[in-house]
Amino acid sequence: MAYRKYDTCFFERYAMLSLKTILGHKFDDLVNYDRPDLQSSDGKRLGIEVTRAMDGGKKSAQKMLKDMAGITPQSDAEKAELQEIISNGYAYGLQEGKYIGGVEFNYWQTAKPLREIIQNKVGKVSSGFYGSFEEFGLYIFCKDTLSEENVASATRYIMSLQKDLDVKYDRMYLCGPKSLHACNLADDLSFEYRISSFAIDQPTRKRFFLESLDLKGE
């Protein structure tokens, strides 16, 4: 039987880095484990499941992989980033989210549309699949650019699914190619205050990319 080596997944490391860097000390003690993927070091306070969503699923991933063959970089910086993609097999955080790496393809090819992913993960957390934590979070990587309307719609949707559940997500994090949206699902707030959006500039995305590549065990 093959056992998973923890702290090896590019995307789970990227999620940890983005949470710590953008949202602060609450996430300083996150460790990578499983069910859910990220947990506070005490195994009690905070559990965050990490997943991905993409309209079109495998077909879209295949198209992006094919697109790489036709890339014509215009500058030295673009050439360097393209070489990073080719060498390491990951592209998330580079090239404005336009491309996908060869290794990364395996991650995206099973991605489902955002609403379907949310429905699936809500069902799992409410069933006790992810154990017992004081607070649950759902972190979703989105290959497609997220508009304010997209984020608001997803937030309303997950709240509607959870309204009568005993175990539910307290926060949802939607990470797009150039932004992170933190959605408060738990507190008694007016909807206009539930979503905090943060732009991730190119140097920061590049740093997240490079630090996430330090994959132990791969």
C-alpha atoms as a PDB file:
ATOM      1  CA  MET A   1       0.000   0.000   0.000  1.00  0.00           C
ATOM      2  CA  ALA A   2       1.308   3.473  -0.903  1.00  0.00           C
ATOM      3  CA  TYR A   3       1.289   6.025   1.896  1.00  0.00           C
ATOM      4  CA  ARG A   4       1.062   9.730   1.263  1.00  0.00           C
ATOM      5  CA  LYS A   5       4.123  11.861   2.133  1.00  0.00           C
ATOM      6  CA  TYR A   6       2.889  15.002   3.834  1.00  0.00           C
ATOM      7  CA  ASP A   7       4.131  18.508   3.037  1.00  0.00           C
ATOM      8  CA  THR A   8       4.746  17.536  -0.594  1.00  0.00           C
ATOM      9  CA  CYS A   9       1.745  19.038  -2.385  1.00  0.00           C
ATOM     10  CA  PHE A  10       2.518  22.268  -4.254  1.00  0.00           C
ATOM     11  CA  PHE A  11      -1.018  23.588  -3.863  1.00  0.00           C
ATOM     12  CA  GLU A  12      -1.336  22.844  -0.164  1.00  0.00           C
ATOM     13  CA  ARG A  13       1.955  24.633   0.450  1.00  0.00           C
ATOM     14  CA  TYR A  14       0.790  27.545  -1.722  1.00  0.00           C
ATOM     15  CA  ALA A  15      -2.425  27.749   0.328  1.00  0.00           C
ATOM     16  CA  MET A  16      -0.477  27.826   3.601  1.00  0.00           C
ATOM     17  CA  LEU A  17       1.841  30.560   2.330  1.00  0.00           C
ATOM     18  CA  SER A  18      -0.979  32.729   1.055  1.00  0.00           C
ATOM     19  CA  LEU A  19      -2.974  32.444   4.295  1.00  0.00           C
ATOM     20  CA  LYS A  20       0.023  33.236   6.496  1.00  0.00           C
ATOM     21  CA  THR A  21       1.235  36.092   4.324  1.00  0.00           C
ATOM     22  CA  ILE A  22      -2.057  37.782   3.513  1.00  0.00           C
ATOM     23  CA  LEU A  23      -4.297  37.000   6.489  1.00  0.00           C
ATOM     24  CA  GLY A  24      -1.804  36.914   9.336  1.00  0.00           C
ATOM     25  CA  HIS A  25      -0.772  35.156  12.520  1.00  0.00           C
ATOM     26  CA  LYS A  26      -3.899  33.046  12.921  1.00  0.00           C
ATOM     27  CA  PHE A  27      -2.351  30.714  10.333  1.00  0.00           C
ATOM     28  CA  ASP A  28       1.268  30.677  11.561  1.00  0.00           C
ATOM     29  CA  ASP A  29       1.074  27.189  13.067  1.00  0.00           C
ATOM     30  CA  LEU A  30      -0.604  25.427  10.148  1.00  0.00           C
ATOM     31  CA  VAL A  31       0.739  21.993   9.273  1.00  0.00           C
ATOM     32  CA  ASN A  32      -0.033  19.803   6.293  1.00  0.00           C
ATOM     33  CA  TYR A  33      -1.784  16.570   7.156  1.00  0.00           C
ATOM     34  CA  ASP A  34      -4.990  15.044   5.798  1.00  0.00           C
ATOM     35  CA  ARG A  35      -8.735  15.149   6.411  1.00  0.00           C
ATOM     36  CA  PRO A  36      -8.518  18.120   6.341  1.00  0.00           C
ATOM     37  CA  ASP A  37      -5.353  19.056   4.447  1.00  0.00           C
ATOM     38  CA  LEU A  38      -4.217  21.936   6.679  1.00  0.00           C
ATOM     39  CA  GLN A  39      -4.556  21.900  10.457  1.00  0.00           C
ATOM     40  CA  SER A  40      -3.431  23.972  13.415  1.00  0.00           C
ATOM     41  CA  SER A  41      -0.561  22.221  15.151  1.00  0.00           C
ATOM     42  CA  ASP A  42      -2.734  21.287  18.134  1.00  0.00           C
ATOM     43  CA  GLY A  43      -5.087  19.313  15.862  1.00  0.00           C
ATOM     44  CA  LYS A  44      -8.097  21.004  17.447  1.00  0.00           C
ATOM     45  CA  ARG A  45      -8.370  24.727  16.762  1.00  0.00           C
ATOM     46  CA  LEU A  46      -8.460  24.987  12.974  1.00  0.00           C
ATOM     47  CA  GLY A  47      -8.952  22.591  10.063  1.00  0.00           C
ATOM     48  CA  ILE A  48      -8.860  23.712   6.425  1.00  0.00           C
ATOM     49  CA  GLU A  49      -9.677  21.522   3.433  1.00  0.00           C
ATOM     50  CA  VAL A  50      -7.854  22.488   0.202  1.00  0.00           C
ATOM     51  CA  THR A  51      -9.340  21.724  -3.204  1.00  0.00           C
ATOM     52  CA  ARG A  52      -9.709  23.172  -6.721  1.00  0.00           C
ATOM     53  CA  ALA A  53     -12.408  24.208  -9.142  1.00  0.00           C
ATOM     54  CA  MET A  54     -12.413  24.888 -12.869  1.00  0.00           C
ATOM     55  CA  ASP A  55     -15.201  25.268 -15.387  1.00  0.00           C
ATOM     56  CA  GLY A  56     -14.783  22.663 -18.099  1.00  0.00           C
ATOM     57  CA  GLY A  57     -12.677  20.320 -15.988  1.00  0.00           C
ATOM     58  CA  LYS A  58     -10.387  17.960 -17.876  1.00  0.00           C
ATOM     59  CA  LYS A  59     -11.133  19.476 -21.290  1.00  0.00           C
ATOM     60  CA  SER A  60     -10.026  22.927 -20.140  1.00  0.00           C
ATOM     61  CA  ALA A  61      -6.910  21.519 -18.508  1.00  0.00           C
ATOM     62  CA  GLN A  62      -5.953  19.706 -21.707  1.00  0.00           C
ATOM     63  CA  LYS A  63      -6.407  22.887 -23.715  1.00  0.00           C
ATOM     64  CA  MET A  64      -4.113  24.840 -21.384  1.00  0.00           C
ATOM     65  CA  LEU A  65      -1.505  22.105 -21.514  1.00  0.00           C
ATOM     66  CA  LYS A  66      -1.584  22.207 -25.331  1.00  0.00           C
ATOM     67  CA  ASP A  67      -1.334  26.005 -25.271  1.00  0.00           C
ATOM     68  CA  MET A  68       2.115  25.736 -23.722  1.00  0.00           C
ATOM     69  CA  ALA A  69       3.537  24.423 -26.971  1.00  0.00           C
ATOM     70  CA  GLY A  70       2.643  27.697 -28.692  1.00  0.00           C
ATOM     71  CA  ILE A  71       3.951  30.148 -26.079  1.00  0.00           C
ATOM     72  CA  THR A  72       6.132  32.902 -27.532  1.00  0.00           C
ATOM     73  CA  PRO A  73       7.588  34.872 -24.622  1.00  0.00           C
ATOM     74  CA  GLN A  74       8.214  38.546 -25.380  1.00  0.00           C
ATOM     75  CA  SER A  75      10.679  39.476 -22.639  1.00  0.00           C
ATOM     76  CA  ASP A  76      13.540  37.982 -20.657  1.00  0.00           C
ATOM     77  CA  ALA A  77      11.280  37.788 -17.604  1.00  0.00           C
ATOM     78  CA  GLU A  78       8.646  35.861 -19.564  1.00  0.00           C
ATOM     79  CA  LYS A  79      11.313  33.531 -20.919  1.00  0.00           C
ATOM     80  CA  ALA A  80      12.589  32.866 -17.406  1.00  0.00           C
ATOM     81  CA  GLU A  81       9.080  32.112 -16.128  1.00  0.00           C
ATOM     82  CA  LEU A  82       8.405  29.800 -19.061  1.00  0.00           C
ATOM     83  CA  GLN A  83      11.578  27.901 -18.222  1.00  0.00           C
ATOM     84  CA  GLU A  84      10.386  27.598 -14.607  1.00  0.00           C
ATOM     85  CA  ILE A  85       7.113  26.099 -15.854  1.00  0.00           C
ATOM     86  CA  ILE A  86       8.869  23.633 -18.148  1.00  0.00           C
ATOM     87  CA  SER A  87      11.513  22.654 -15.576  1.00  0.00           C
ATOM     88  CA  ASN A  88       9.274  22.236 -12.547  1.00  0.00           C
ATOM     89  CA  GLY A  89       5.944  21.242 -14.073  1.00  0.00           C
ATOM     90  CA  TYR A  90       3.952  23.922 -12.214  1.00  0.00           C
ATOM     91  CA  ALA A  91       2.608  27.240 -13.464  1.00  0.00           C
ATOM     92  CA  TYR A  92       0.218  28.533 -10.801  1.00  0.00           C
ATOM     93  CA  GLY A  93       1.252  32.051  -9.799  1.00  0.00           C
ATOM     94  CA  LEU A  94       3.111  32.732 -13.065  1.00  0.00           C
ATOM     95  CA  GLN A  95       2.050  34.166 -16.428  1.00  0.00           C
ATOM     96  CA  GLU A  96      -1.151  35.732 -15.032  1.00  0.00           C
ATOM     97  CA  GLY A  97      -2.666  32.271 -14.671  1.00  0.00           C
ATOM     98  CA  LYS A  98      -2.792  31.650 -18.422  1.00  0.00           C
ATOM     99  CA  TYR A  99      -0.951  28.331 -18.498  1.00  0.00           C
ATOM    100  CA  ILE A 100      -0.670  25.008 -16.750  1.00  0.00           C
ATOM    101  CA  GLY A 101       2.382  22.891 -16.015  1.00  0.00           C
ATOM    102  CA  GLY A 102       2.830  19.263 -16.995  1.00  0.00           C
ATOM    103  CA  VAL A 103       2.867  17.991 -13.402  1.00  0.00           C
ATOM    104  CA  GLU A 104       0.091  20.391 -12.432  1.00  0.00           C
ATOM    105  CA  PHE A 105      -2.139  18.939 -15.150  1.00  0.00           C
ATOM    106  CA  ASN A 106      -2.815  15.884 -12.982  1.00  0.00           C
ATOM    107  CA  TYR A 107      -4.180  18.178 -10.272  1.00  0.00           C
ATOM    108  CA  TRP A 108      -6.514  20.119 -12.550  1.00  0.00           C
ATOM    109  CA  GLN A 109      -7.796  17.353 -14.796  1.00  0.00           C
ATOM    110  CA  THR A 110     -10.232  16.124 -12.142  1.00  0.00           C
ATOM    111  CA  ALA A 111     -11.367  19.634 -11.136  1.00  0.00           C
ATOM    112  CA  LYS A 112     -15.104  20.309 -11.175  1.00  0.00           C
ATOM    113  CA  PRO A 113     -17.132  23.528 -11.404  1.00  0.00           C
ATOM    114  CA  LEU A 114     -17.112  25.703  -8.283  1.00  0.00           C
ATOM    115  CA  ARG A 115     -20.695  25.045  -7.173  1.00  0.00           C
ATOM    116  CA  GLU A 116     -20.266  21.292  -7.517  1.00  0.00           C
ATOM    117  CA  ILE A 117     -17.077  21.365  -5.442  1.00  0.00           C
ATOM    118  CA  ILE A 118     -18.743  23.452  -2.730  1.00  0.00           C
ATOM    119  CA  GLN A 119     -21.707  21.085  -2.537  1.00  0.00           C
ATOM    120  CA  ASN A 120     -19.421  18.058  -2.259  1.00  0.00           C
ATOM    121  CA  LYS A 121     -17.220  19.561   0.459  1.00  0.00           C
ATOM    122  CA  VAL A 122     -20.170  20.818   2.509  1.00  0.00           C
ATOM    123  CA  GLY A 123     -21.561  17.291   2.494  1.00  0.00           C
ATOM    124  CA  LYS A 124     -18.257  15.895   3.725  1.00  0.00           C
ATOM    125  CA  VAL A 125     -17.687  18.374   6.553  1.00  0.00           C
ATOM    126  CA  SER A 126     -21.258  17.976   7.836  1.00  0.00           C
ATOM    127  CA  SER A 127     -20.908  14.184   7.867  1.00  0.00           C
ATOM    128  CA  GLY A 128     -17.880  14.302  10.166  1.00  0.00           C
ATOM    129  CA  PHE A 129     -15.487  13.210   7.399  1.00  0.00           C
ATOM    130  CA  TYR A 130     -12.944  15.867   8.430  1.00  0.00           C
ATOM    131  CA  GLY A 131     -13.149  15.154  12.141  1.00  0.00           C
ATOM    132  CA  SER A 132     -13.797  17.714  14.853  1.00  0.00           C
ATOM    133  CA  PHE A 133     -12.289  21.217  14.936  1.00  0.00           C
ATOM    134  CA  GLU A 134     -13.263  24.446  16.649  1.00  0.00           C
ATOM    135  CA  GLU A 135     -13.255  26.138  13.235  1.00  0.00           C
ATOM    136  CA  PHE A 136     -13.414  24.748   9.700  1.00  0.00           C
ATOM    137  CA  GLY A 137     -12.187  26.460   6.556  1.00  0.00           C
ATOM    138  CA  LEU A 138     -12.546  25.596   2.862  1.00  0.00           C
ATOM    139  CA  TYR A 139      -9.776  26.822   0.553  1.00  0.00           C
ATOM    140  CA  ILE A 140     -10.567  26.548  -3.173  1.00  0.00           C
ATOM    141  CA  PHE A 141      -8.053  27.213  -5.954  1.00  0.00           C
ATOM    142  CA  CYS A 142      -9.868  28.586  -8.994  1.00  0.00           C
ATOM    143  CA  LYS A 143      -8.201  28.406 -12.391  1.00  0.00           C
ATOM    144  CA  ASP A 144     -10.653  30.936 -13.796  1.00  0.00           C
ATOM    145  CA  THR A 145     -10.546  34.629 -12.905  1.00  0.00           C
ATOM    146  CA  LEU A 146     -13.025  35.470 -10.162  1.00  0.00           C
ATOM    147  CA  SER A 147     -15.239  38.531 -10.382  1.00  0.00           C
ATOM    148  CA  GLU A 148     -16.885  40.160  -7.354  1.00  0.00           C
ATOM    149  CA  GLU A 149     -20.154  38.676  -8.566  1.00  0.00           C
ATOM    150  CA  ASN A 150     -18.615  35.170  -8.746  1.00  0.00           C
ATOM    151  CA  VAL A 151     -17.332  35.421  -5.183  1.00  0.00           C
ATOM    152  CA  ALA A 152     -20.600  36.817  -3.816  1.00  0.00           C
ATOM    153  CA  SER A 153     -22.602  34.109  -5.586  1.00  0.00           C
ATOM    154  CA  ALA A 154     -20.367  31.343  -4.220  1.00  0.00           C
ATOM    155  CA  THR A 155     -20.628  32.795  -0.719  1.00  0.00           C
ATOM    156  CA  ARG A 156     -24.420  32.952  -0.846  1.00  0.00           C
ATOM    157  CA  TYR A 157     -24.520  29.419  -2.204  1.00  0.00           C
ATOM    158  CA  ILE A 158     -22.406  27.831   0.522  1.00  0.00           C
ATOM    159  CA  MET A 159     -24.316  29.713   3.208  1.00  0.00           C
ATOM    160  CA  SER A 160     -27.622  28.458   1.822  1.00  0.00           C
ATOM    161  CA  LEU A 161     -26.340  24.871   1.839  1.00  0.00           C
ATOM    162  CA  GLN A 162     -25.108  25.145   5.412  1.00  0.00           C
ATOM    163  CA  LYS A 163     -27.906  27.085   7.088  1.00  0.00           C
ATOM    164  CA  ASP A 164     -29.493  24.060   8.795  1.00  0.00           C
ATOM    165  CA  LEU A 165     -26.335  22.033   9.406  1.00  0.00           C
ATOM    166  CA  ASP A 166     -24.720  21.456  12.791  1.00  0.00           C
ATOM    167  CA  VAL A 167     -21.167  21.097  11.435  1.00  0.00           C
ATOM    168  CA  LYS A 168     -20.207  23.614   8.776  1.00  0.00           C
ATOM    169  CA  TYR A 169     -17.442  25.804   7.376  1.00  0.00           C
ATOM    170  CA  ASP A 170     -16.767  29.050   9.240  1.00  0.00           C
ATOM    171  CA  ARG A 171     -14.652  30.520   6.450  1.00  0.00           C
ATOM    172  CA  MET A 172     -14.194  29.991   2.719  1.00  0.00           C
ATOM    173  CA  TYR A 173     -11.102  31.158   0.839  1.00  0.00           C
ATOM    174  CA  LEU A 174     -11.296  31.527  -2.938  1.00  0.00           C
ATOM    175  CA  CYS A 175      -7.893  31.871  -4.571  1.00  0.00           C
ATOM    176  CA  GLY A 176      -7.773  33.079  -8.162  1.00  0.00           C
ATOM    177  CA  PRO A 177      -4.711  33.616 -10.362  1.00  0.00           C
ATOM    178  CA  LYS A 178      -4.204  37.152  -8.981  1.00  0.00           C
ATOM    179  CA  SER A 179      -6.358  37.441  -5.869  1.00  0.00           C
ATOM    180  CA  LEU A 180      -7.489  35.863  -2.612  1.00  0.00           C
ATOM    181  CA  HIS A 181     -11.019  36.295  -1.284  1.00  0.00           C
ATOM    182  CA  ALA A 182     -11.710  35.543   2.388  1.00  0.00           C
ATOM    183  CA  CYS A 183     -15.406  34.861   3.006  1.00  0.00           C
ATOM    184  CA  ASN A 184     -16.804  34.948   6.553  1.00  0.00           C
ATOM    185  CA  LEU A 185     -19.612  32.396   6.711  1.00  0.00           C
ATOM    186  CA  ALA A 186     -20.159  32.265  10.459  1.00  0.00           C
ATOM    187  CA  ASP A 187     -20.422  35.615  12.193  1.00  0.00           C
ATOM    188  CA  ASP A 188     -23.564  37.731  12.423  1.00  0.00           C
ATOM    189  CA  LEU A 189     -22.699  40.234   9.704  1.00  0.00           C
ATOM    190  CA  SER A 190     -24.427  42.123   6.939  1.00  0.00           C
ATOM    191  CA  PHE A 191     -23.572  40.424   3.663  1.00  0.00           C
ATOM    192  CA  GLU A 192     -21.622  43.444   2.393  1.00  0.00           C
ATOM    193  CA  TYR A 193     -19.053  42.880   5.160  1.00  0.00           C
ATOM    194  CA  ARG A 194     -18.633  39.139   4.713  1.00  0.00           C
ATOM    195  CA  ILE A 195     -16.075  39.210   1.899  1.00  0.00           C
ATOM    196  CA  SER A 196     -12.555  40.644   2.079  1.00  0.00           C
ATOM    197  CA  SER A 197     -10.624  40.631  -1.195  1.00  0.00           C
ATOM    198  CA  PHE A 198      -6.865  40.946  -1.553  1.00  0.00           C
ATOM    199  CA  ALA A 199      -4.911  41.478  -4.761  1.00  0.00           C
ATOM    200  CA  ILE A 200      -1.761  39.373  -5.046  1.00  0.00           C
ATOM    201  CA  ASP A 201       0.845  41.272  -7.031  1.00  0.00           C
ATOM    202  CA  GLN A 202       3.285  39.618  -9.420  1.00  0.00           C
ATOM    203  CA  PRO A 203       6.337  39.601  -7.091  1.00  0.00           C
ATOM    204  CA  THR A 204       4.276  37.990  -4.329  1.00  0.00           C
ATOM    205  CA  ARG A 205       2.839  35.384  -6.684  1.00  0.00           C
ATOM    206  CA  LYS A 206       6.349  34.584  -7.863  1.00  0.00           C
ATOM    207  CA  ARG A 207       7.512  34.165  -4.258  1.00  0.00           C
ATOM    208  CA  PHE A 208       4.590  31.868  -3.430  1.00  0.00           C
ATOM    209  CA  PHE A 209       5.389  29.842  -6.551  1.00  0.00           C
ATOM    210  CA  LEU A 210       9.082  29.415  -5.770  1.00  0.00           C
ATOM    211  CA  GLU A 211       8.601  28.631  -2.078  1.00  0.00           C
ATOM    212  CA  SER A 212       5.845  26.128  -2.855  1.00  0.00           C
ATOM    213  CA  LEU A 213       8.218  24.254  -5.174  1.00  0.00           C
ATOM    214  CA  ASP A 214      10.377  23.205  -2.231  1.00  0.00           C
ATOM    215  CA  LEU A 215       8.589  19.874  -2.194  1.00  0.00           C
ATOM    216  CA  LYS A 216       9.868  17.455   0.397  1.00  0.00           C
ATOM    217  CA  GLY A 217       9.848  13.877  -0.783  1.00  0.00           C
ATOM    218  CA  GLU A 218       9.320  14.603  -4.498  1.00  0.00           C
END
